[in-house]
N, C-alpha and C. Protein backbone atom coordinates (compact mmCIF):
# COMPACT_ATOMS: atom_id res chain seq x y z
N UNK A 1 -14.90 -5.29 6.18
CA UNK A 1 -14.03 -6.41 5.89
C UNK A 1 -12.58 -5.96 5.95
N UNK A 2 -11.76 -6.75 6.57
CA UNK A 2 -10.33 -6.48 6.67
C UNK A 2 -9.59 -7.32 5.64
N UNK A 3 -8.52 -6.82 5.11
CA UNK A 3 -7.72 -7.59 4.16
C UNK A 3 -6.26 -7.59 4.58
N UNK A 4 -6.03 -7.72 5.88
CA UNK A 4 -4.66 -7.78 6.39
C UNK A 4 -4.18 -9.23 6.52
N UNK A 5 -4.58 -10.04 5.54
CA UNK A 5 -4.10 -11.41 5.40
C UNK A 5 -4.16 -11.74 3.92
N UNK A 6 -3.56 -12.85 3.53
CA UNK A 6 -3.42 -13.18 2.11
C UNK A 6 -4.76 -13.29 1.40
N UNK A 7 -5.69 -14.05 1.94
CA UNK A 7 -6.98 -14.24 1.29
C UNK A 7 -7.78 -12.96 1.18
N UNK A 8 -7.81 -12.19 2.24
CA UNK A 8 -8.53 -10.92 2.21
C UNK A 8 -7.92 -9.94 1.22
N UNK A 9 -6.60 -9.96 1.11
CA UNK A 9 -5.93 -9.09 0.16
C UNK A 9 -6.25 -9.48 -1.28
N UNK A 10 -6.39 -10.77 -1.51
CA UNK A 10 -6.80 -11.24 -2.85
C UNK A 10 -8.20 -10.75 -3.20
N UNK A 11 -9.11 -10.81 -2.24
CA UNK A 11 -10.48 -10.34 -2.46
C UNK A 11 -10.47 -8.84 -2.74
N UNK A 12 -9.69 -8.08 -1.97
CA UNK A 12 -9.59 -6.65 -2.20
C UNK A 12 -9.07 -6.35 -3.60
N UNK A 13 -8.07 -7.11 -4.04
CA UNK A 13 -7.51 -6.85 -5.37
C UNK A 13 -8.57 -7.05 -6.46
N UNK A 14 -9.41 -8.06 -6.32
CA UNK A 14 -10.46 -8.30 -7.31
C UNK A 14 -11.52 -7.20 -7.26
N UNK A 15 -11.90 -6.77 -6.06
CA UNK A 15 -12.90 -5.70 -5.94
C UNK A 15 -12.37 -4.36 -6.46
N UNK A 16 -11.12 -4.06 -6.17
CA UNK A 16 -10.53 -2.81 -6.66
C UNK A 16 -10.45 -2.81 -8.18
N UNK A 17 -10.08 -3.95 -8.75
CA UNK A 17 -10.01 -4.05 -10.21
C UNK A 17 -11.40 -3.92 -10.82
N UNK A 18 -12.42 -4.42 -10.17
CA UNK A 18 -13.78 -4.31 -10.68
C UNK A 18 -14.29 -2.87 -10.62
N UNK A 19 -13.79 -2.08 -9.68
CA UNK A 19 -14.23 -0.69 -9.55
C UNK A 19 -13.58 0.24 -10.57
N UNK A 20 -12.44 -0.13 -11.10
CA UNK A 20 -11.73 0.75 -12.01
C UNK A 20 -12.52 1.04 -13.29
N UNK A 21 -13.12 0.06 -13.97
CA UNK A 21 -13.94 0.40 -15.14
C UNK A 21 -15.14 1.28 -14.80
N UNK A 22 -15.69 1.10 -13.60
CA UNK A 22 -16.80 1.95 -13.19
C UNK A 22 -16.33 3.41 -13.05
N UNK A 23 -15.15 3.61 -12.50
CA UNK A 23 -14.60 4.96 -12.40
C UNK A 23 -14.34 5.54 -13.78
N UNK A 24 -13.87 4.71 -14.69
CA UNK A 24 -13.63 5.12 -16.08
C UNK A 24 -14.94 5.65 -16.70
N UNK A 25 -16.01 4.88 -16.48
CA UNK A 25 -17.29 5.24 -17.09
C UNK A 25 -17.98 6.41 -16.38
N UNK A 26 -17.93 6.43 -15.05
CA UNK A 26 -18.67 7.45 -14.31
C UNK A 26 -17.90 8.76 -14.16
N UNK A 27 -16.64 8.67 -13.83
CA UNK A 27 -15.86 9.89 -13.59
C UNK A 27 -15.16 10.39 -14.84
N UNK A 28 -14.90 9.51 -15.79
CA UNK A 28 -14.18 9.89 -17.01
C UNK A 28 -14.82 11.05 -17.76
N UNK A 29 -16.13 11.02 -18.04
CA UNK A 29 -16.73 12.14 -18.76
C UNK A 29 -16.71 13.46 -17.97
N UNK A 30 -16.69 13.36 -16.66
CA UNK A 30 -16.75 14.57 -15.83
C UNK A 30 -15.37 15.20 -15.68
N UNK A 31 -14.37 14.40 -15.36
CA UNK A 31 -13.06 14.96 -15.03
C UNK A 31 -11.96 14.54 -16.01
N UNK A 32 -12.28 13.77 -16.99
CA UNK A 32 -11.26 13.29 -17.93
C UNK A 32 -10.82 11.89 -17.52
N UNK A 33 -10.53 11.10 -18.50
CA UNK A 33 -10.19 9.70 -18.21
C UNK A 33 -8.88 9.55 -17.44
N UNK A 34 -7.87 10.35 -17.81
CA UNK A 34 -6.60 10.27 -17.08
C UNK A 34 -6.80 10.59 -15.61
N UNK A 35 -7.47 11.69 -15.32
CA UNK A 35 -7.69 12.10 -13.93
C UNK A 35 -8.54 11.08 -13.18
N UNK A 36 -9.53 10.51 -13.86
CA UNK A 36 -10.40 9.53 -13.21
C UNK A 36 -9.62 8.28 -12.82
N UNK A 37 -8.79 7.78 -13.73
CA UNK A 37 -8.01 6.58 -13.44
C UNK A 37 -6.93 6.90 -12.41
N UNK A 38 -6.26 8.04 -12.55
CA UNK A 38 -5.21 8.41 -11.59
C UNK A 38 -5.79 8.58 -10.18
N UNK A 39 -6.94 9.21 -10.08
CA UNK A 39 -7.59 9.36 -8.77
C UNK A 39 -8.00 8.01 -8.20
N UNK A 40 -8.45 7.13 -9.06
CA UNK A 40 -8.81 5.78 -8.61
C UNK A 40 -7.60 5.03 -8.09
N UNK A 41 -6.46 5.18 -8.73
CA UNK A 41 -5.23 4.51 -8.27
C UNK A 41 -4.82 5.05 -6.90
N UNK A 42 -4.87 6.36 -6.72
CA UNK A 42 -4.50 6.95 -5.43
C UNK A 42 -5.49 6.52 -4.34
N UNK A 43 -6.78 6.54 -4.65
CA UNK A 43 -7.79 6.13 -3.67
C UNK A 43 -7.65 4.65 -3.33
N UNK A 44 -7.34 3.83 -4.32
CA UNK A 44 -7.15 2.40 -4.08
C UNK A 44 -5.96 2.16 -3.15
N UNK A 45 -4.87 2.88 -3.37
CA UNK A 45 -3.70 2.69 -2.49
C UNK A 45 -4.02 3.11 -1.06
N UNK A 46 -4.81 4.17 -0.89
CA UNK A 46 -5.19 4.59 0.46
C UNK A 46 -6.12 3.58 1.12
N UNK A 47 -7.10 3.10 0.38
CA UNK A 47 -8.01 2.08 0.92
C UNK A 47 -7.26 0.79 1.24
N UNK A 48 -6.30 0.44 0.42
CA UNK A 48 -5.50 -0.75 0.67
C UNK A 48 -4.77 -0.62 2.00
N UNK A 49 -4.22 0.56 2.27
CA UNK A 49 -3.50 0.77 3.53
C UNK A 49 -4.41 0.70 4.74
N UNK A 50 -5.64 1.21 4.61
CA UNK A 50 -6.59 1.09 5.72
C UNK A 50 -6.86 -0.37 6.02
N UNK A 51 -7.07 -1.16 4.98
CA UNK A 51 -7.43 -2.56 5.16
C UNK A 51 -6.32 -3.46 5.64
N UNK A 52 -5.07 -3.14 5.27
CA UNK A 52 -3.97 -4.02 5.70
C UNK A 52 -3.41 -3.63 7.05
N UNK A 53 -3.83 -2.48 7.57
CA UNK A 53 -3.33 -2.05 8.87
C UNK A 53 -3.77 -3.03 9.96
N UNK A 54 -2.96 -3.19 10.98
CA UNK A 54 -3.33 -4.08 12.07
C UNK A 54 -4.63 -3.68 12.76
N UNK A 55 -4.95 -2.38 12.75
CA UNK A 55 -6.21 -1.91 13.32
C UNK A 55 -6.66 -0.68 12.54
N UNK A 56 -7.95 -0.39 12.60
CA UNK A 56 -8.45 0.81 11.93
C UNK A 56 -7.88 2.08 12.54
N UNK A 57 -7.68 2.05 13.84
CA UNK A 57 -7.13 3.21 14.54
C UNK A 57 -5.75 3.57 14.02
N UNK A 58 -5.00 2.58 13.62
CA UNK A 58 -3.67 2.83 13.06
C UNK A 58 -3.73 3.05 11.56
N UNK A 59 -4.70 2.44 10.89
CA UNK A 59 -4.76 2.50 9.45
C UNK A 59 -5.29 3.80 8.89
N UNK A 60 -6.27 4.39 9.56
CA UNK A 60 -6.91 5.59 9.02
C UNK A 60 -5.93 6.77 8.92
N UNK A 61 -5.15 7.09 9.95
CA UNK A 61 -4.21 8.21 9.79
C UNK A 61 -3.16 7.94 8.71
N UNK A 62 -2.70 6.70 8.61
CA UNK A 62 -1.72 6.36 7.58
C UNK A 62 -2.34 6.53 6.20
N UNK A 63 -3.56 6.07 6.04
CA UNK A 63 -4.24 6.18 4.75
C UNK A 63 -4.52 7.63 4.38
N UNK A 64 -4.89 8.44 5.35
CA UNK A 64 -5.12 9.86 5.08
C UNK A 64 -3.83 10.55 4.66
N UNK A 65 -2.76 10.24 5.34
CA UNK A 65 -1.46 10.82 4.95
C UNK A 65 -1.05 10.34 3.56
N UNK A 66 -1.24 9.06 3.29
CA UNK A 66 -0.90 8.53 1.96
C UNK A 66 -1.77 9.16 0.88
N UNK A 67 -3.04 9.34 1.18
CA UNK A 67 -3.94 9.99 0.22
C UNK A 67 -3.54 11.43 -0.04
N UNK A 68 -3.12 12.13 1.00
CA UNK A 68 -2.66 13.51 0.84
C UNK A 68 -1.43 13.59 -0.04
N UNK A 69 -0.47 12.71 0.22
CA UNK A 69 0.73 12.68 -0.62
C UNK A 69 0.35 12.28 -2.05
N UNK A 70 -0.57 11.34 -2.19
CA UNK A 70 -1.04 10.94 -3.52
C UNK A 70 -1.70 12.07 -4.28
N UNK A 71 -2.47 12.91 -3.58
CA UNK A 71 -3.09 14.06 -4.24
C UNK A 71 -2.04 15.08 -4.70
N UNK A 72 -0.99 15.24 -3.91
CA UNK A 72 0.10 16.12 -4.34
C UNK A 72 0.76 15.55 -5.60
N UNK A 73 0.95 14.24 -5.62
CA UNK A 73 1.52 13.58 -6.80
C UNK A 73 0.63 13.83 -8.02
N UNK A 74 -0.69 13.75 -7.82
CA UNK A 74 -1.63 13.97 -8.93
C UNK A 74 -1.47 15.37 -9.53
N UNK A 75 -1.12 16.33 -8.72
CA UNK A 75 -0.96 17.70 -9.22
C UNK A 75 0.23 17.84 -10.17
N UNK A 76 1.24 16.99 -10.00
CA UNK A 76 2.46 17.13 -10.78
C UNK A 76 2.70 16.01 -11.78
N UNK A 77 1.93 14.95 -11.72
CA UNK A 77 2.15 13.79 -12.60
C UNK A 77 1.69 14.10 -14.02
N UNK A 78 2.47 13.59 -14.98
CA UNK A 78 2.15 13.78 -16.39
C UNK A 78 1.64 12.51 -17.05
N UNK A 79 1.79 11.40 -16.36
CA UNK A 79 1.35 10.13 -16.95
C UNK A 79 0.82 9.21 -15.85
N UNK A 80 0.06 8.25 -16.28
CA UNK A 80 -0.46 7.26 -15.34
C UNK A 80 0.67 6.41 -14.76
N UNK A 81 1.72 6.22 -15.53
CA UNK A 81 2.89 5.48 -15.05
C UNK A 81 3.51 6.17 -13.84
N UNK A 82 3.62 7.50 -13.89
CA UNK A 82 4.17 8.24 -12.75
C UNK A 82 3.29 8.10 -11.52
N UNK A 83 1.98 8.16 -11.71
CA UNK A 83 1.04 8.01 -10.59
C UNK A 83 1.16 6.62 -10.00
N UNK A 84 1.25 5.60 -10.86
CA UNK A 84 1.35 4.22 -10.38
C UNK A 84 2.65 3.99 -9.60
N UNK A 85 3.75 4.50 -10.09
CA UNK A 85 5.03 4.33 -9.40
C UNK A 85 5.00 5.05 -8.06
N UNK A 86 4.52 6.29 -8.04
CA UNK A 86 4.45 7.04 -6.78
C UNK A 86 3.53 6.36 -5.78
N UNK A 87 2.38 5.86 -6.24
CA UNK A 87 1.46 5.17 -5.34
C UNK A 87 2.08 3.89 -4.79
N UNK A 88 2.82 3.18 -5.62
CA UNK A 88 3.49 1.95 -5.16
C UNK A 88 4.55 2.26 -4.11
N UNK A 89 5.28 3.34 -4.30
CA UNK A 89 6.29 3.73 -3.31
C UNK A 89 5.62 4.17 -2.01
N UNK A 90 4.52 4.89 -2.12
CA UNK A 90 3.78 5.30 -0.92
C UNK A 90 3.29 4.09 -0.14
N UNK A 91 2.75 3.10 -0.84
CA UNK A 91 2.28 1.87 -0.18
C UNK A 91 3.45 1.16 0.50
N UNK A 92 4.58 1.05 -0.17
CA UNK A 92 5.73 0.34 0.39
C UNK A 92 6.25 1.04 1.64
N UNK A 93 6.38 2.35 1.58
CA UNK A 93 6.90 3.10 2.73
C UNK A 93 5.92 3.03 3.90
N UNK A 94 4.64 3.18 3.62
CA UNK A 94 3.65 3.15 4.70
C UNK A 94 3.55 1.76 5.31
N UNK A 95 3.61 0.74 4.47
CA UNK A 95 3.43 -0.63 4.97
C UNK A 95 4.61 -1.05 5.84
N UNK A 96 5.82 -0.95 5.32
CA UNK A 96 6.97 -1.43 6.10
C UNK A 96 7.59 -0.35 6.97
N UNK A 97 7.29 0.91 6.71
CA UNK A 97 7.87 1.96 7.52
C UNK A 97 7.01 2.38 8.70
N UNK A 98 5.69 2.17 8.59
CA UNK A 98 4.79 2.66 9.63
C UNK A 98 3.95 1.54 10.23
N UNK A 99 3.34 0.72 9.39
CA UNK A 99 2.37 -0.25 9.89
C UNK A 99 3.00 -1.54 10.41
N UNK A 100 4.00 -2.05 9.72
CA UNK A 100 4.61 -3.32 10.10
C UNK A 100 6.11 -3.13 10.27
N UNK A 101 6.72 -4.08 10.97
CA UNK A 101 8.16 -3.99 11.18
C UNK A 101 8.80 -5.32 10.83
N UNK A 102 9.99 -5.22 10.34
CA UNK A 102 10.86 -6.36 10.08
C UNK A 102 12.28 -5.79 10.18
N UNK A 103 13.24 -6.64 10.10
CA UNK A 103 14.62 -6.15 10.10
C UNK A 103 14.78 -5.21 8.90
N UNK A 104 15.52 -4.13 9.07
CA UNK A 104 15.57 -3.09 8.02
C UNK A 104 15.95 -3.60 6.63
N UNK A 105 17.02 -4.38 6.52
CA UNK A 105 17.41 -4.86 5.20
C UNK A 105 16.40 -5.84 4.64
N UNK A 106 15.81 -6.63 5.51
CA UNK A 106 14.77 -7.56 5.07
C UNK A 106 13.54 -6.81 4.58
N UNK A 107 13.14 -5.77 5.31
CA UNK A 107 12.00 -4.96 4.89
C UNK A 107 12.28 -4.27 3.56
N UNK A 108 13.50 -3.75 3.40
CA UNK A 108 13.87 -3.09 2.16
C UNK A 108 13.83 -4.07 0.99
N UNK A 109 14.42 -5.25 1.18
CA UNK A 109 14.42 -6.26 0.12
C UNK A 109 13.00 -6.71 -0.21
N UNK A 110 12.19 -6.92 0.82
CA UNK A 110 10.81 -7.35 0.61
C UNK A 110 10.03 -6.30 -0.16
N UNK A 111 10.12 -5.05 0.25
CA UNK A 111 9.36 -4.00 -0.42
C UNK A 111 9.88 -3.74 -1.84
N UNK A 112 11.19 -3.82 -2.03
CA UNK A 112 11.71 -3.67 -3.39
C UNK A 112 11.19 -4.79 -4.30
N UNK A 113 11.22 -6.00 -3.79
CA UNK A 113 10.73 -7.14 -4.58
C UNK A 113 9.25 -7.03 -4.89
N UNK A 114 8.45 -6.70 -3.88
CA UNK A 114 7.01 -6.58 -4.11
C UNK A 114 6.67 -5.40 -5.01
N UNK A 115 7.34 -4.29 -4.82
CA UNK A 115 7.06 -3.11 -5.64
C UNK A 115 7.47 -3.35 -7.09
N UNK A 116 8.67 -3.85 -7.29
CA UNK A 116 9.13 -4.10 -8.66
C UNK A 116 8.32 -5.21 -9.32
N UNK A 117 8.03 -6.26 -8.58
CA UNK A 117 7.22 -7.35 -9.14
C UNK A 117 5.82 -6.90 -9.47
N UNK A 118 5.21 -6.14 -8.57
CA UNK A 118 3.85 -5.65 -8.81
C UNK A 118 3.78 -4.68 -9.97
N UNK A 119 4.73 -3.75 -10.02
CA UNK A 119 4.74 -2.80 -11.13
C UNK A 119 5.09 -3.48 -12.45
N UNK A 120 5.97 -4.47 -12.38
CA UNK A 120 6.32 -5.22 -13.60
C UNK A 120 5.13 -5.97 -14.16
N UNK A 121 4.40 -6.65 -13.29
CA UNK A 121 3.21 -7.38 -13.74
C UNK A 121 2.14 -6.40 -14.24
N UNK A 122 1.97 -5.29 -13.54
CA UNK A 122 0.99 -4.29 -13.98
C UNK A 122 1.38 -3.72 -15.34
N UNK A 123 2.65 -3.45 -15.54
CA UNK A 123 3.10 -2.94 -16.83
C UNK A 123 2.89 -3.95 -17.95
N UNK A 124 3.09 -5.21 -17.64
CA UNK A 124 2.88 -6.27 -18.63
C UNK A 124 1.40 -6.38 -19.00
N UNK A 125 0.52 -6.24 -18.03
CA UNK A 125 -0.91 -6.42 -18.26
C UNK A 125 -1.62 -5.16 -18.75
N UNK A 126 -1.00 -4.00 -18.57
CA UNK A 126 -1.66 -2.73 -18.87
C UNK A 126 -1.90 -2.55 -20.36
N UNK A 127 -2.93 -1.83 -20.65
CA UNK A 127 -3.28 -1.43 -22.00
C UNK A 127 -3.94 -0.07 -21.96
N UNK A 128 -4.64 0.28 -23.01
CA UNK A 128 -5.26 1.60 -23.07
C UNK A 128 -6.71 1.61 -22.60
N UNK A 129 -7.36 0.47 -22.62
CA UNK A 129 -8.78 0.42 -22.27
C UNK A 129 -9.00 0.19 -20.79
N UNK A 130 -10.23 0.34 -20.34
CA UNK A 130 -10.52 0.19 -18.92
C UNK A 130 -10.32 -1.24 -18.42
N UNK A 131 -10.60 -2.23 -19.24
CA UNK A 131 -10.42 -3.61 -18.78
C UNK A 131 -8.95 -3.97 -18.64
N UNK A 132 -8.12 -3.49 -19.55
CA UNK A 132 -6.68 -3.75 -19.42
C UNK A 132 -6.09 -3.04 -18.20
N UNK A 133 -6.56 -1.81 -17.95
CA UNK A 133 -6.08 -1.09 -16.77
C UNK A 133 -6.56 -1.75 -15.48
N UNK A 134 -7.78 -2.27 -15.50
CA UNK A 134 -8.28 -3.00 -14.33
C UNK A 134 -7.47 -4.26 -14.10
N UNK A 135 -7.12 -4.92 -15.17
CA UNK A 135 -6.28 -6.12 -15.06
C UNK A 135 -4.90 -5.76 -14.51
N UNK A 136 -4.36 -4.62 -14.93
CA UNK A 136 -3.07 -4.17 -14.42
C UNK A 136 -3.14 -3.87 -12.92
N UNK A 137 -4.22 -3.21 -12.49
CA UNK A 137 -4.39 -2.93 -11.06
C UNK A 137 -4.52 -4.23 -10.28
N UNK A 138 -5.28 -5.17 -10.82
CA UNK A 138 -5.42 -6.47 -10.17
C UNK A 138 -4.07 -7.17 -10.06
N UNK A 139 -3.27 -7.12 -11.11
CA UNK A 139 -1.95 -7.76 -11.09
C UNK A 139 -1.04 -7.15 -10.05
N UNK A 140 -1.04 -5.83 -9.95
CA UNK A 140 -0.21 -5.17 -8.95
C UNK A 140 -0.63 -5.59 -7.55
N UNK A 141 -1.93 -5.53 -7.28
CA UNK A 141 -2.41 -5.88 -5.94
C UNK A 141 -2.26 -7.37 -5.64
N UNK A 142 -2.30 -8.18 -6.67
CA UNK A 142 -2.08 -9.62 -6.49
C UNK A 142 -0.68 -9.87 -5.95
N UNK A 143 0.30 -9.21 -6.50
CA UNK A 143 1.68 -9.34 -6.01
C UNK A 143 1.79 -8.79 -4.60
N UNK A 144 1.11 -7.68 -4.30
CA UNK A 144 1.16 -7.10 -2.96
C UNK A 144 0.58 -8.04 -1.91
N UNK A 145 -0.33 -8.91 -2.31
CA UNK A 145 -0.92 -9.87 -1.38
C UNK A 145 0.13 -10.81 -0.80
N UNK A 146 1.21 -11.01 -1.51
CA UNK A 146 2.27 -11.91 -1.05
C UNK A 146 2.98 -11.38 0.20
N UNK A 147 2.78 -10.12 0.53
CA UNK A 147 3.38 -9.55 1.74
C UNK A 147 3.02 -10.38 2.96
N UNK A 148 1.79 -10.88 2.99
CA UNK A 148 1.31 -11.59 4.17
C UNK A 148 1.76 -13.05 4.20
N UNK A 149 2.44 -13.50 3.17
CA UNK A 149 2.98 -14.86 3.15
C UNK A 149 4.41 -14.90 3.68
N UNK A 150 5.02 -13.75 3.86
CA UNK A 150 6.41 -13.67 4.29
C UNK A 150 6.47 -13.73 5.81
N UNK A 151 7.30 -14.60 6.31
CA UNK A 151 7.49 -14.71 7.76
C UNK A 151 8.44 -13.62 8.24
N UNK A 152 8.35 -13.29 9.51
CA UNK A 152 9.27 -12.32 10.09
C UNK A 152 8.78 -10.89 10.04
N UNK A 153 7.56 -10.68 9.60
CA UNK A 153 6.98 -9.34 9.57
C UNK A 153 5.95 -9.27 10.68
N UNK A 154 6.08 -8.26 11.53
CA UNK A 154 5.21 -8.12 12.70
C UNK A 154 4.60 -6.74 12.72
N UNK A 155 3.50 -6.63 13.46
CA UNK A 155 2.86 -5.33 13.65
C UNK A 155 3.83 -4.40 14.37
N UNK A 156 3.91 -3.17 13.89
CA UNK A 156 4.77 -2.18 14.54
C UNK A 156 4.07 -1.71 15.80
N UNK A 157 4.78 -1.70 16.90
CA UNK A 157 4.20 -1.29 18.18
C UNK A 157 3.84 0.19 18.14
N UNK A 158 2.67 0.54 18.67
CA UNK A 158 2.30 1.96 18.70
C UNK A 158 3.24 2.74 19.60
N UNK A 159 3.40 4.01 19.28
CA UNK A 159 4.30 4.86 20.04
C UNK A 159 3.55 5.39 21.25
N UNK A 160 3.57 4.62 22.31
CA UNK A 160 3.00 5.05 23.58
C UNK A 160 3.92 4.55 24.67
N UNK A 161 3.86 5.17 25.80
CA UNK A 161 4.69 4.71 26.90
C UNK A 161 4.99 5.85 27.84
N UNK A 162 5.95 5.62 28.69
CA UNK A 162 6.28 6.63 29.70
C UNK A 162 6.94 7.85 29.07
N UNK A 163 6.85 8.95 29.78
CA UNK A 163 7.46 10.20 29.31
C UNK A 163 8.94 10.27 29.63
N UNK A 164 9.39 9.44 30.54
CA UNK A 164 10.79 9.43 30.93
C UNK A 164 11.64 8.82 29.81
N UNK A 165 12.65 9.52 29.31
CA UNK A 165 13.47 8.97 28.22
C UNK A 165 14.20 7.69 28.60
N UNK A 166 14.57 7.54 29.87
CA UNK A 166 15.24 6.31 30.30
C UNK A 166 14.29 5.12 30.26
N UNK A 167 13.04 5.33 30.66
CA UNK A 167 12.05 4.25 30.58
C UNK A 167 11.77 3.88 29.13
N UNK A 168 11.68 4.88 28.26
CA UNK A 168 11.46 4.59 26.83
C UNK A 168 12.63 3.79 26.26
N UNK A 169 13.86 4.17 26.65
CA UNK A 169 15.04 3.46 26.16
C UNK A 169 15.06 2.03 26.69
N UNK A 170 14.68 1.84 27.95
CA UNK A 170 14.64 0.50 28.51
C UNK A 170 13.61 -0.37 27.79
N UNK A 171 12.43 0.19 27.53
CA UNK A 171 11.39 -0.56 26.83
C UNK A 171 11.85 -0.91 25.41
N UNK A 172 12.49 0.03 24.75
CA UNK A 172 13.00 -0.23 23.40
C UNK A 172 14.07 -1.31 23.42
N UNK A 173 14.97 -1.26 24.38
CA UNK A 173 16.02 -2.27 24.49
C UNK A 173 15.42 -3.64 24.75
N UNK A 174 14.46 -3.73 25.64
CA UNK A 174 13.81 -5.01 25.91
C UNK A 174 13.10 -5.55 24.68
N UNK A 175 12.47 -4.68 23.91
CA UNK A 175 11.80 -5.16 22.70
C UNK A 175 12.80 -5.65 21.67
N UNK A 176 13.97 -5.01 21.60
CA UNK A 176 15.01 -5.50 20.68
C UNK A 176 15.58 -6.84 21.11
N UNK A 177 15.73 -7.02 22.41
CA UNK A 177 16.27 -8.28 22.93
C UNK A 177 15.29 -9.42 22.75
N UNK A 178 13.99 -9.14 22.77
CA UNK A 178 12.99 -10.18 22.60
C UNK A 178 12.69 -10.49 21.15
N UNK A 179 13.20 -9.70 20.22
CA UNK A 179 12.94 -9.90 18.80
C UNK A 179 13.59 -11.18 18.30
N UNK A 180 12.94 -11.83 17.33
CA UNK A 180 13.47 -13.06 16.75
C UNK A 180 14.81 -12.80 16.09
N UNK A 181 15.79 -13.71 16.26
CA UNK A 181 17.12 -13.49 15.67
C UNK A 181 17.14 -13.75 14.15
N UNK A 182 16.08 -14.31 13.61
CA UNK A 182 16.08 -14.64 12.18
C UNK A 182 15.66 -13.47 11.36
């Protein structure tokens, strides 16, 4: 199932939130509750990136890179808040920096709004128990679903083309000229 549209993203947010208490119960006794929840947050952000990518071929490398960066964050994070903020930044950079394109200031404003709104709602809903944390994850992903309601965001073209730098520059110029002025 793909969730690179609003409805699919909503379904993913509900499924991810439902999996968080299971991770609390299954992984918590083995690796500690903090590590279990933090690992679930990092894994959820990577799975989210695979699903929102325009294609699996583009999504899998991005998700693997995001997961790798997330694992590095896990090594140094002291709180779940730090893991959540780092994962949100990773999602924002991967989504608007690699997978999709929009005008730079528009992409920055969109990602700032979605990241701050998602983290704000998650912080409001968060608590100490597994159900409150699941609700917080659901709230964050619910806000992220709004990405697909914004007009002017397009799939980023894959980096392929001629080896000649002049041909690459011509193709890039033509793509800029064909871009919507809004």
